[in-house]
């Protein structure tokens, strides 16, 4: 299948939160025509000011667009947007591309792919990593599950949003890959917090410590990008604590279903749940440092 030129499509974007708004803005910068919908309409205002068209319902958006991207909060939101009577699958025209970039459940991605196919639509699960910075700068890592020919056709679209774009396999594979990503981050975030706290307690300048360790064997995206925010006491969300807990819950449930033990993930999840109970679920994931 030939590559699709995104500028030739009428694109719908559902979910314009911290990351979705920047992703949608990058599509508009690339010259794409955009129809947007969000549960909280005010979160679309910046995009509407740039020329996006507002759609008051998911079904209304589905009927006007031949390619739809979703970036919503939780699996229940994904299910409602895709599978409900007023959802995308029931209301989209055959041939419509449906791309869910939410981090969600692998088995839900499989169901969406199957039911979309029954309606003649093409569905891909394409969760992302890179946080608010990656969304703004269009450097997201995009991990994709679904039919290979659909992935190949949509590469020009993915290139507008990210840099590291990898086809992982059949439907659900993108979500399984994102679970690997979140498991690695979960334990790593504890290490970042502990290293910075150790630097502080030992009388070192933690920012100077970062200069030494971030380019060595200890280096990670979290250390380089979230470590400075921890040091500065900046806990504004690039990725919400509540959403990370959601992701870790999905990963934990999936691992249990495979008979896999994940002690690092379990400890991180318990700590983030404690953080949320203390009232910090709307903070960014770097707020784990508060517990230290």
C-alpha atoms as a PDB file:
ATOM      1  CA  UNK A   1       0.000   0.000   0.000  1.00  0.00           C
ATOM      2  CA  UNK A   2       1.272   3.463  -0.895  1.00  0.00           C
ATOM      3  CA  UNK A   3       2.048   5.994   1.810  1.00  0.00           C
ATOM      4  CA  UNK A   4      -0.778   8.376   2.679  1.00  0.00           C
ATOM      5  CA  UNK A   5      -0.160  12.110   2.550  1.00  0.00           C
ATOM      6  CA  UNK A   6      -1.719  13.397   5.827  1.00  0.00           C
ATOM      7  CA  UNK A   7      -2.422  16.813   4.298  1.00  0.00           C
ATOM      8  CA  UNK A   8      -4.829  15.110   1.889  1.00  0.00           C
ATOM      9  CA  UNK A   9      -6.897  13.670   4.732  1.00  0.00           C
ATOM     10  CA  UNK A  10      -9.508  15.207   7.013  1.00  0.00           C
ATOM     11  CA  UNK A  11      -8.070  14.346  10.409  1.00  0.00           C
ATOM     12  CA  UNK A  12      -9.967  14.077  13.675  1.00  0.00           C
ATOM     13  CA  UNK A  13      -8.153  14.392  16.998  1.00  0.00           C
ATOM     14  CA  UNK A  14      -9.836  13.345  20.243  1.00  0.00           C
ATOM     15  CA  UNK A  15      -8.126  14.131  23.556  1.00  0.00           C
ATOM     16  CA  UNK A  16      -6.300  17.451  23.741  1.00  0.00           C
ATOM     17  CA  UNK A  17      -4.661  17.254  27.157  1.00  0.00           C
ATOM     18  CA  UNK A  18      -1.016  17.885  28.088  1.00  0.00           C
ATOM     19  CA  UNK A  19       0.345  15.749  25.246  1.00  0.00           C
ATOM     20  CA  UNK A  20      -2.571  15.612  22.823  1.00  0.00           C
ATOM     21  CA  UNK A  21      -2.724  19.383  22.384  1.00  0.00           C
ATOM     22  CA  UNK A  22       0.927  19.567  21.321  1.00  0.00           C
ATOM     23  CA  UNK A  23       0.568  16.584  19.000  1.00  0.00           C
ATOM     24  CA  UNK A  24      -2.475  18.123  17.341  1.00  0.00           C
ATOM     25  CA  UNK A  25      -0.658  21.454  17.000  1.00  0.00           C
ATOM     26  CA  UNK A  26       2.216  19.724  15.209  1.00  0.00           C
ATOM     27  CA  UNK A  27      -0.214  18.213  12.718  1.00  0.00           C
ATOM     28  CA  UNK A  28      -1.622  21.668  12.028  1.00  0.00           C
ATOM     29  CA  UNK A  29       1.905  23.081  11.596  1.00  0.00           C
ATOM     30  CA  UNK A  30       2.438  20.417   8.944  1.00  0.00           C
ATOM     31  CA  UNK A  31      -0.604  21.696   7.057  1.00  0.00           C
ATOM     32  CA  UNK A  32      -3.164  19.100   8.129  1.00  0.00           C
ATOM     33  CA  UNK A  33      -6.866  19.944   8.344  1.00  0.00           C
ATOM     34  CA  UNK A  34      -8.037  19.150  11.876  1.00  0.00           C
ATOM     35  CA  UNK A  35     -11.369  18.536  13.606  1.00  0.00           C
ATOM     36  CA  UNK A  36     -11.027  18.286  17.389  1.00  0.00           C
ATOM     37  CA  UNK A  37     -13.077  16.998  20.295  1.00  0.00           C
ATOM     38  CA  UNK A  38     -12.386  16.892  24.013  1.00  0.00           C
ATOM     39  CA  UNK A  39     -14.527  16.131  27.029  1.00  0.00           C
ATOM     40  CA  UNK A  40     -13.436  19.520  28.419  1.00  0.00           C
ATOM     41  CA  UNK A  41     -13.989  21.937  25.492  1.00  0.00           C
ATOM     42  CA  UNK A  42     -11.747  24.645  26.974  1.00  0.00           C
ATOM     43  CA  UNK A  43      -8.721  22.421  26.403  1.00  0.00           C
ATOM     44  CA  UNK A  44      -9.258  22.822  22.653  1.00  0.00           C
ATOM     45  CA  UNK A  45      -9.212  26.626  22.652  1.00  0.00           C
ATOM     46  CA  UNK A  46      -5.567  27.004  21.623  1.00  0.00           C
ATOM     47  CA  UNK A  47      -6.158  24.703  18.650  1.00  0.00           C
ATOM     48  CA  UNK A  48      -9.397  26.443  17.667  1.00  0.00           C
ATOM     49  CA  UNK A  49      -7.528  29.758  17.682  1.00  0.00           C
ATOM     50  CA  UNK A  50      -5.112  28.241  15.167  1.00  0.00           C
ATOM     51  CA  UNK A  51      -7.933  27.158  12.851  1.00  0.00           C
ATOM     52  CA  UNK A  52      -9.052  23.723  14.016  1.00  0.00           C
ATOM     53  CA  UNK A  53     -12.771  22.916  13.755  1.00  0.00           C
ATOM     54  CA  UNK A  54     -14.652  21.985  16.938  1.00  0.00           C
ATOM     55  CA  UNK A  55     -16.868  18.900  17.000  1.00  0.00           C
ATOM     56  CA  UNK A  56     -19.269  18.562  19.919  1.00  0.00           C
ATOM     57  CA  UNK A  57     -19.589  14.770  19.726  1.00  0.00           C
ATOM     58  CA  UNK A  58     -17.425  11.785  18.881  1.00  0.00           C
ATOM     59  CA  UNK A  59     -20.024  10.547  16.398  1.00  0.00           C
ATOM     60  CA  UNK A  60     -20.133  13.914  14.665  1.00  0.00           C
ATOM     61  CA  UNK A  61     -16.364  13.954  14.318  1.00  0.00           C
ATOM     62  CA  UNK A  62     -16.324  10.378  13.027  1.00  0.00           C
ATOM     63  CA  UNK A  63     -18.730  11.213  10.218  1.00  0.00           C
ATOM     64  CA  UNK A  64     -16.574  14.104   8.970  1.00  0.00           C
ATOM     65  CA  UNK A  65     -13.100  12.558   9.135  1.00  0.00           C
ATOM     66  CA  UNK A  66     -11.346   9.809   7.224  1.00  0.00           C
ATOM     67  CA  UNK A  67      -8.494   9.504   9.749  1.00  0.00           C
ATOM     68  CA  UNK A  68      -8.941   9.805  13.515  1.00  0.00           C
ATOM     69  CA  UNK A  69      -6.313   9.931  16.271  1.00  0.00           C
ATOM     70  CA  UNK A  70      -7.242   9.433  19.921  1.00  0.00           C
ATOM     71  CA  UNK A  71      -5.151  10.419  22.945  1.00  0.00           C
ATOM     72  CA  UNK A  72      -7.461  10.039  25.944  1.00  0.00           C
ATOM     73  CA  UNK A  73      -6.907   9.152  29.589  1.00  0.00           C
ATOM     74  CA  UNK A  74      -7.934   5.652  30.633  1.00  0.00           C
ATOM     75  CA  UNK A  75      -8.952   2.348  29.021  1.00  0.00           C
ATOM     76  CA  UNK A  76     -12.567   3.042  29.960  1.00  0.00           C
ATOM     77  CA  UNK A  77     -12.336   6.268  27.929  1.00  0.00           C
ATOM     78  CA  UNK A  78     -10.860   4.359  24.994  1.00  0.00           C
ATOM     79  CA  UNK A  79     -13.689   1.827  25.188  1.00  0.00           C
ATOM     80  CA  UNK A  80     -16.321   4.555  25.256  1.00  0.00           C
ATOM     81  CA  UNK A  81     -14.782   6.518  22.377  1.00  0.00           C
ATOM     82  CA  UNK A  82     -14.366   3.477  20.134  1.00  0.00           C
ATOM     83  CA  UNK A  83     -16.987   0.905  21.070  1.00  0.00           C
ATOM     84  CA  UNK A  84     -20.043   2.864  22.252  1.00  0.00           C
ATOM     85  CA  UNK A  85     -23.150   3.468  20.151  1.00  0.00           C
ATOM     86  CA  UNK A  86     -21.980   7.042  19.622  1.00  0.00           C
ATOM     87  CA  UNK A  87     -18.387   5.938  19.217  1.00  0.00           C
ATOM     88  CA  UNK A  88     -15.963   5.928  16.341  1.00  0.00           C
ATOM     89  CA  UNK A  89     -16.404   2.404  15.013  1.00  0.00           C
ATOM     90  CA  UNK A  90     -20.178   2.651  14.830  1.00  0.00           C
ATOM     91  CA  UNK A  91     -20.131   6.023  13.084  1.00  0.00           C
ATOM     92  CA  UNK A  92     -17.001   6.115  10.910  1.00  0.00           C
ATOM     93  CA  UNK A  93     -17.193   5.434   7.188  1.00  0.00           C
ATOM     94  CA  UNK A  94     -15.598   2.215   5.883  1.00  0.00           C
ATOM     95  CA  UNK A  95     -11.950   2.795   5.053  1.00  0.00           C
ATOM     96  CA  UNK A  96     -11.414   5.238   7.916  1.00  0.00           C
ATOM     97  CA  UNK A  97      -8.093   4.947   9.745  1.00  0.00           C
ATOM     98  CA  UNK A  98      -8.450   4.827  13.541  1.00  0.00           C
ATOM     99  CA  UNK A  99      -5.232   5.342  15.514  1.00  0.00           C
ATOM    100  CA  UNK A 100      -5.309   5.043  19.293  1.00  0.00           C
ATOM    101  CA  UNK A 101      -2.201   6.661  20.801  1.00  0.00           C
ATOM    102  CA  UNK A 102      -3.458   6.330  24.381  1.00  0.00           C
ATOM    103  CA  UNK A 103      -1.613   3.912  26.643  1.00  0.00           C
ATOM    104  CA  UNK A 104      -4.300   1.284  27.119  1.00  0.00           C
ATOM    105  CA  UNK A 105      -4.932  -2.437  27.523  1.00  0.00           C
ATOM    106  CA  UNK A 106      -3.511  -4.797  24.885  1.00  0.00           C
ATOM    107  CA  UNK A 107      -6.669  -6.920  24.829  1.00  0.00           C
ATOM    108  CA  UNK A 108      -8.797  -3.805  24.293  1.00  0.00           C
ATOM    109  CA  UNK A 109      -6.589  -2.865  21.338  1.00  0.00           C
ATOM    110  CA  UNK A 110      -7.191  -6.340  19.903  1.00  0.00           C
ATOM    111  CA  UNK A 111     -10.963  -5.948  20.300  1.00  0.00           C
ATOM    112  CA  UNK A 112     -10.954  -2.515  18.664  1.00  0.00           C
ATOM    113  CA  UNK A 113      -8.937  -3.866  15.740  1.00  0.00           C
ATOM    114  CA  UNK A 114     -11.323  -6.773  15.287  1.00  0.00           C
ATOM    115  CA  UNK A 115     -14.511  -4.731  15.511  1.00  0.00           C
ATOM    116  CA  UNK A 116     -13.118  -1.952  13.324  1.00  0.00           C
ATOM    117  CA  UNK A 117     -12.239  -4.552  10.709  1.00  0.00           C
ATOM    118  CA  UNK A 118     -15.792  -5.877  10.787  1.00  0.00           C
ATOM    119  CA  UNK A 119     -16.958  -2.369   9.847  1.00  0.00           C
ATOM    120  CA  UNK A 120     -14.361  -1.974   7.094  1.00  0.00           C
ATOM    121  CA  UNK A 121     -12.189   0.420   9.122  1.00  0.00           C
ATOM    122  CA  UNK A 122      -8.441   0.158   9.786  1.00  0.00           C
ATOM    123  CA  UNK A 123      -7.314   0.339  13.430  1.00  0.00           C
ATOM    124  CA  UNK A 124      -3.832   0.675  14.896  1.00  0.00           C
ATOM    125  CA  UNK A 125      -2.669   0.868  18.512  1.00  0.00           C
ATOM    126  CA  UNK A 126       0.212   3.354  18.615  1.00  0.00           C
ATOM    127  CA  UNK A 127       1.072   4.448  22.177  1.00  0.00           C
ATOM    128  CA  UNK A 128       3.910   6.906  22.625  1.00  0.00           C
ATOM    129  CA  UNK A 129       6.747   7.728  24.988  1.00  0.00           C
ATOM    130  CA  UNK A 130       8.586  10.997  25.461  1.00  0.00           C
ATOM    131  CA  UNK A 131       6.316  13.032  27.713  1.00  0.00           C
ATOM    132  CA  UNK A 132       5.238  16.618  27.221  1.00  0.00           C
ATOM    133  CA  UNK A 133       8.672  17.573  25.843  1.00  0.00           C
ATOM    134  CA  UNK A 134       8.552  14.865  23.185  1.00  0.00           C
ATOM    135  CA  UNK A 135       5.011  15.851  22.231  1.00  0.00           C
ATOM    136  CA  UNK A 136       5.962  19.537  21.866  1.00  0.00           C
ATOM    137  CA  UNK A 137       9.153  18.877  19.930  1.00  0.00           C
ATOM    138  CA  UNK A 138       7.687  16.050  17.798  1.00  0.00           C
ATOM    139  CA  UNK A 139      10.344  13.617  19.016  1.00  0.00           C
ATOM    140  CA  UNK A 140       8.030  10.978  20.481  1.00  0.00           C
ATOM    141  CA  UNK A 141       8.833   7.287  20.340  1.00  0.00           C
ATOM    142  CA  UNK A 142       5.851   5.593  18.690  1.00  0.00           C
ATOM    143  CA  UNK A 143       5.289   1.846  19.099  1.00  0.00           C
ATOM    144  CA  UNK A 144       2.718   0.436  16.719  1.00  0.00           C
ATOM    145  CA  UNK A 145       0.531  -2.670  16.562  1.00  0.00           C
ATOM    146  CA  UNK A 146      -1.882  -3.639  13.786  1.00  0.00           C
ATOM    147  CA  UNK A 147      -1.654  -4.570  10.123  1.00  0.00           C
ATOM    148  CA  UNK A 148       1.755  -3.895   8.585  1.00  0.00           C
ATOM    149  CA  UNK A 149       0.305  -2.370   5.425  1.00  0.00           C
ATOM    150  CA  UNK A 150      -1.601   0.207   7.482  1.00  0.00           C
ATOM    151  CA  UNK A 151       1.533   1.072   9.432  1.00  0.00           C
ATOM    152  CA  UNK A 152       3.485   1.555   6.219  1.00  0.00           C
ATOM    153  CA  UNK A 153       0.737   3.731   4.744  1.00  0.00           C
ATOM    154  CA  UNK A 154       0.665   5.986   7.797  1.00  0.00           C
ATOM    155  CA  UNK A 155       4.410   6.525   8.190  1.00  0.00           C
ATOM    156  CA  UNK A 156       4.229  10.135   6.891  1.00  0.00           C
ATOM    157  CA  UNK A 157       1.704  10.897   9.643  1.00  0.00           C
ATOM    158  CA  UNK A 158       3.813   9.280  12.355  1.00  0.00           C
ATOM    159  CA  UNK A 159       6.888  11.211  11.163  1.00  0.00           C
ATOM    160  CA  UNK A 160       5.082  14.474  11.929  1.00  0.00           C
ATOM    161  CA  UNK A 161       4.639  13.380  15.560  1.00  0.00           C
ATOM    162  CA  UNK A 162       7.775  11.453  16.417  1.00  0.00           C
ATOM    163  CA  UNK A 163      11.265  10.263  15.557  1.00  0.00           C
ATOM    164  CA  UNK A 164      11.602   6.668  16.747  1.00  0.00           C
ATOM    165  CA  UNK A 165       8.735   4.879  14.993  1.00  0.00           C
ATOM    166  CA  UNK A 166       8.726   1.080  15.172  1.00  0.00           C
ATOM    167  CA  UNK A 167       6.228  -1.518  13.964  1.00  0.00           C
ATOM    168  CA  UNK A 168       5.939  -4.134  16.722  1.00  0.00           C
ATOM    169  CA  UNK A 169       3.495  -6.665  15.266  1.00  0.00           C
ATOM    170  CA  UNK A 170      -0.179  -7.527  15.220  1.00  0.00           C
ATOM    171  CA  UNK A 171      -2.920  -5.646  17.070  1.00  0.00           C
ATOM    172  CA  UNK A 172      -2.087  -5.163  20.749  1.00  0.00           C
ATOM    173  CA  UNK A 173       1.670  -5.305  20.155  1.00  0.00           C
ATOM    174  CA  UNK A 174       2.052  -1.553  20.473  1.00  0.00           C
ATOM    175  CA  UNK A 175       0.388  -1.638  23.886  1.00  0.00           C
ATOM    176  CA  UNK A 176       2.477  -4.593  25.047  1.00  0.00           C
ATOM    177  CA  UNK A 177       5.607  -2.677  24.022  1.00  0.00           C
ATOM    178  CA  UNK A 178       4.434   0.379  25.972  1.00  0.00           C
ATOM    179  CA  UNK A 179       4.040  -1.854  29.032  1.00  0.00           C
ATOM    180  CA  UNK A 180       7.722  -2.825  28.664  1.00  0.00           C
ATOM    181  CA  UNK A 181       8.517   0.886  28.512  1.00  0.00           C
ATOM    182  CA  UNK A 182       6.516   1.681  31.657  1.00  0.00           C
ATOM    183  CA  UNK A 183       7.966  -1.248  33.603  1.00  0.00           C
ATOM    184  CA  UNK A 184      11.484   0.008  32.836  1.00  0.00           C
ATOM    185  CA  UNK A 185      10.560   3.556  33.858  1.00  0.00           C
ATOM    186  CA  UNK A 186       8.834   2.476  37.082  1.00  0.00           C
ATOM    187  CA  UNK A 187      11.880   0.962  38.751  1.00  0.00           C
ATOM    188  CA  UNK A 188      14.176   3.532  37.147  1.00  0.00           C
ATOM    189  CA  UNK A 189      12.276   6.433  38.715  1.00  0.00           C
ATOM    190  CA  UNK A 190      12.974   5.045  42.172  1.00  0.00           C
ATOM    191  CA  UNK A 191      16.664   4.943  41.329  1.00  0.00           C
ATOM    192  CA  UNK A 192      16.664   8.543  40.099  1.00  0.00           C
ATOM    193  CA  UNK A 193      14.953   9.754  43.275  1.00  0.00           C
ATOM    194  CA  UNK A 194      17.305   7.830  45.544  1.00  0.00           C
ATOM    195  CA  UNK A 195      20.423   9.016  43.698  1.00  0.00           C
ATOM    196  CA  UNK A 196      19.431  12.692  43.946  1.00  0.00           C
ATOM    197  CA  UNK A 197      18.442  12.367  47.589  1.00  0.00           C
ATOM    198  CA  UNK A 198      21.763  10.660  48.338  1.00  0.00           C
ATOM    199  CA  UNK A 199      23.617  13.510  46.627  1.00  0.00           C
ATOM    200  CA  UNK A 200      21.764  16.055  48.760  1.00  0.00           C
ATOM    201  CA  UNK A 201      22.357  14.229  52.031  1.00  0.00           C
ATOM    202  CA  UNK A 202      26.064  13.746  51.328  1.00  0.00           C
ATOM    203  CA  UNK A 203      26.537  17.487  50.840  1.00  0.00           C
ATOM    204  CA  UNK A 204      27.041  17.393  47.078  1.00  0.00           C
ATOM    205  CA  UNK A 205      25.472  19.736  44.545  1.00  0.00           C
ATOM    206  CA  UNK A 206      22.944  17.366  42.904  1.00  0.00           C
ATOM    207  CA  UNK A 207      22.975  19.311  39.626  1.00  0.00           C
ATOM    208  CA  UNK A 208      26.757  18.895  39.398  1.00  0.00           C
ATOM    209  CA  UNK A 209      26.341  15.208  40.219  1.00  0.00           C
ATOM    210  CA  UNK A 210      23.942  14.896  37.289  1.00  0.00           C
ATOM    211  CA  UNK A 211      26.612  16.309  34.978  1.00  0.00           C
ATOM    212  CA  UNK A 212      28.857  13.403  35.914  1.00  0.00           C
ATOM    213  CA  UNK A 213      26.424  10.499  35.970  1.00  0.00           C
ATOM    214  CA  UNK A 214      23.839  11.209  33.266  1.00  0.00           C
ATOM    215  CA  UNK A 215      26.229  10.443  30.386  1.00  0.00           C
ATOM    216  CA  UNK A 216      27.634   7.278  31.970  1.00  0.00           C
ATOM    217  CA  UNK A 217      26.191   3.853  32.689  1.00  0.00           C
ATOM    218  CA  UNK A 218      23.512   5.394  34.961  1.00  0.00           C
ATOM    219  CA  UNK A 219      22.179   7.596  32.174  1.00  0.00           C
ATOM    220  CA  UNK A 220      18.470   7.536  31.322  1.00  0.00           C
ATOM    221  CA  UNK A 221      15.758   9.807  29.933  1.00  0.00           C
ATOM    222  CA  UNK A 222      14.262  10.112  33.418  1.00  0.00           C
ATOM    223  CA  UNK A 223      17.580  11.072  34.981  1.00  0.00           C
ATOM    224  CA  UNK A 224      18.352  13.762  32.376  1.00  0.00           C
ATOM    225  CA  UNK A 225      14.863  15.195  31.943  1.00  0.00           C
ATOM    226  CA  UNK A 226      13.137  14.668  35.284  1.00  0.00           C
ATOM    227  CA  UNK A 227      16.133  14.761  37.612  1.00  0.00           C
ATOM    228  CA  UNK A 228      16.566  18.559  37.152  1.00  0.00           C
ATOM    229  CA  UNK A 229      12.841  19.062  37.787  1.00  0.00           C
ATOM    230  CA  UNK A 230      13.106  17.104  41.040  1.00  0.00           C
ATOM    231  CA  UNK A 231      16.064  19.218  42.145  1.00  0.00           C
ATOM    232  CA  UNK A 232      14.179  22.431  41.312  1.00  0.00           C
ATOM    233  CA  UNK A 233      11.020  21.279  43.116  1.00  0.00           C
ATOM    234  CA  UNK A 234       9.139  21.492  39.808  1.00  0.00           C
ATOM    235  CA  UNK A 235       6.392  18.874  39.938  1.00  0.00           C
ATOM    236  CA  UNK A 236       4.187  20.227  37.154  1.00  0.00           C
ATOM    237  CA  UNK A 237       2.842  17.400  34.993  1.00  0.00           C
ATOM    238  CA  UNK A 238       4.479  16.323  31.794  1.00  0.00           C
ATOM    239  CA  UNK A 239       2.825  12.996  32.520  1.00  0.00           C
ATOM    240  CA  UNK A 240       0.359  12.715  35.405  1.00  0.00           C
ATOM    241  CA  UNK A 241       0.921  10.499  38.441  1.00  0.00           C
ATOM    242  CA  UNK A 242      -2.664   9.236  38.055  1.00  0.00           C
ATOM    243  CA  UNK A 243      -1.989   8.140  34.485  1.00  0.00           C
ATOM    244  CA  UNK A 244       1.260   6.427  35.428  1.00  0.00           C
ATOM    245  CA  UNK A 245      -0.590   4.458  38.092  1.00  0.00           C
ATOM    246  CA  UNK A 246      -3.085   3.467  35.412  1.00  0.00           C
ATOM    247  CA  UNK A 247      -0.254   2.267  33.173  1.00  0.00           C
ATOM    248  CA  UNK A 248       1.445   0.318  35.959  1.00  0.00           C
ATOM    249  CA  UNK A 249      -1.870  -1.333  36.828  1.00  0.00           C
ATOM    250  CA  UNK A 250      -2.303  -2.473  33.224  1.00  0.00           C
ATOM    251  CA  UNK A 251       1.281  -3.751  33.145  1.00  0.00           C
ATOM    252  CA  UNK A 252       0.856  -5.578  36.454  1.00  0.00           C
ATOM    253  CA  UNK A 253      -2.381  -7.226  35.352  1.00  0.00           C
ATOM    254  CA  UNK A 254      -0.878  -8.243  32.001  1.00  0.00           C
ATOM    255  CA  UNK A 255       2.202  -9.680  33.712  1.00  0.00           C
ATOM    256  CA  UNK A 256       0.080 -11.689  36.122  1.00  0.00           C
ATOM    257  CA  UNK A 257      -1.889 -13.049  33.181  1.00  0.00           C
ATOM    258  CA  UNK A 258       1.399 -14.365  31.761  1.00  0.00           C
ATOM    259  CA  UNK A 259       2.533 -15.774  35.112  1.00  0.00           C
ATOM    260  CA  UNK A 260       5.338 -13.211  35.320  1.00  0.00           C
ATOM    261  CA  UNK A 261       6.609 -11.747  38.588  1.00  0.00           C
ATOM    262  CA  UNK A 262       7.500  -8.033  38.571  1.00  0.00           C
ATOM    263  CA  UNK A 263       8.801  -7.005  42.027  1.00  0.00           C
ATOM    264  CA  UNK A 264      10.293  -3.698  40.833  1.00  0.00           C
ATOM    265  CA  UNK A 265       7.047  -2.697  39.154  1.00  0.00           C
ATOM    266  CA  UNK A 266       5.027  -3.710  42.204  1.00  0.00           C
ATOM    267  CA  UNK A 267       7.140  -1.603  44.580  1.00  0.00           C
ATOM    268  CA  UNK A 268       7.015   1.456  42.299  1.00  0.00           C
ATOM    269  CA  UNK A 269       3.257   1.101  41.885  1.00  0.00           C
ATOM    270  CA  UNK A 270       2.767   0.935  45.676  1.00  0.00           C
ATOM    271  CA  UNK A 271       4.880   4.064  46.143  1.00  0.00           C
ATOM    272  CA  UNK A 272       3.005   6.006  43.480  1.00  0.00           C
ATOM    273  CA  UNK A 273      -0.300   4.933  45.025  1.00  0.00           C
ATOM    274  CA  UNK A 274       0.944   6.300  48.361  1.00  0.00           C
ATOM    275  CA  UNK A 275       1.855   9.543  46.581  1.00  0.00           C
ATOM    276  CA  UNK A 276      -1.642   9.772  45.109  1.00  0.00           C
ATOM    277  CA  UNK A 277      -3.228   9.109  48.507  1.00  0.00           C
ATOM    278  CA  UNK A 278      -1.281  12.093  49.837  1.00  0.00           C
ATOM    279  CA  UNK A 279      -3.045  14.275  47.267  1.00  0.00           C
ATOM    280  CA  UNK A 280      -0.449  14.449  44.483  1.00  0.00           C
ATOM    281  CA  UNK A 281      -2.121  12.442  41.702  1.00  0.00           C
ATOM    282  CA  UNK A 282      -2.307  15.562  39.486  1.00  0.00           C
ATOM    283  CA  UNK A 283       1.465  16.118  39.740  1.00  0.00           C
ATOM    284  CA  UNK A 284       3.993  14.903  37.201  1.00  0.00           C
ATOM    285  CA  UNK A 285       5.677  11.538  37.701  1.00  0.00           C
ATOM    286  CA  UNK A 286       8.820  13.259  39.030  1.00  0.00           C
ATOM    287  CA  UNK A 287       6.779  14.051  42.154  1.00  0.00           C
ATOM    288  CA  UNK A 288       7.771  10.614  43.456  1.00  0.00           C
ATOM    289  CA  UNK A 289      10.690  12.610  44.864  1.00  0.00           C
ATOM    290  CA  UNK A 290       8.265  14.062  47.432  1.00  0.00           C
ATOM    291  CA  UNK A 291       8.263  10.694  49.243  1.00  0.00           C
ATOM    292  CA  UNK A 292      12.028  10.831  49.611  1.00  0.00           C
END
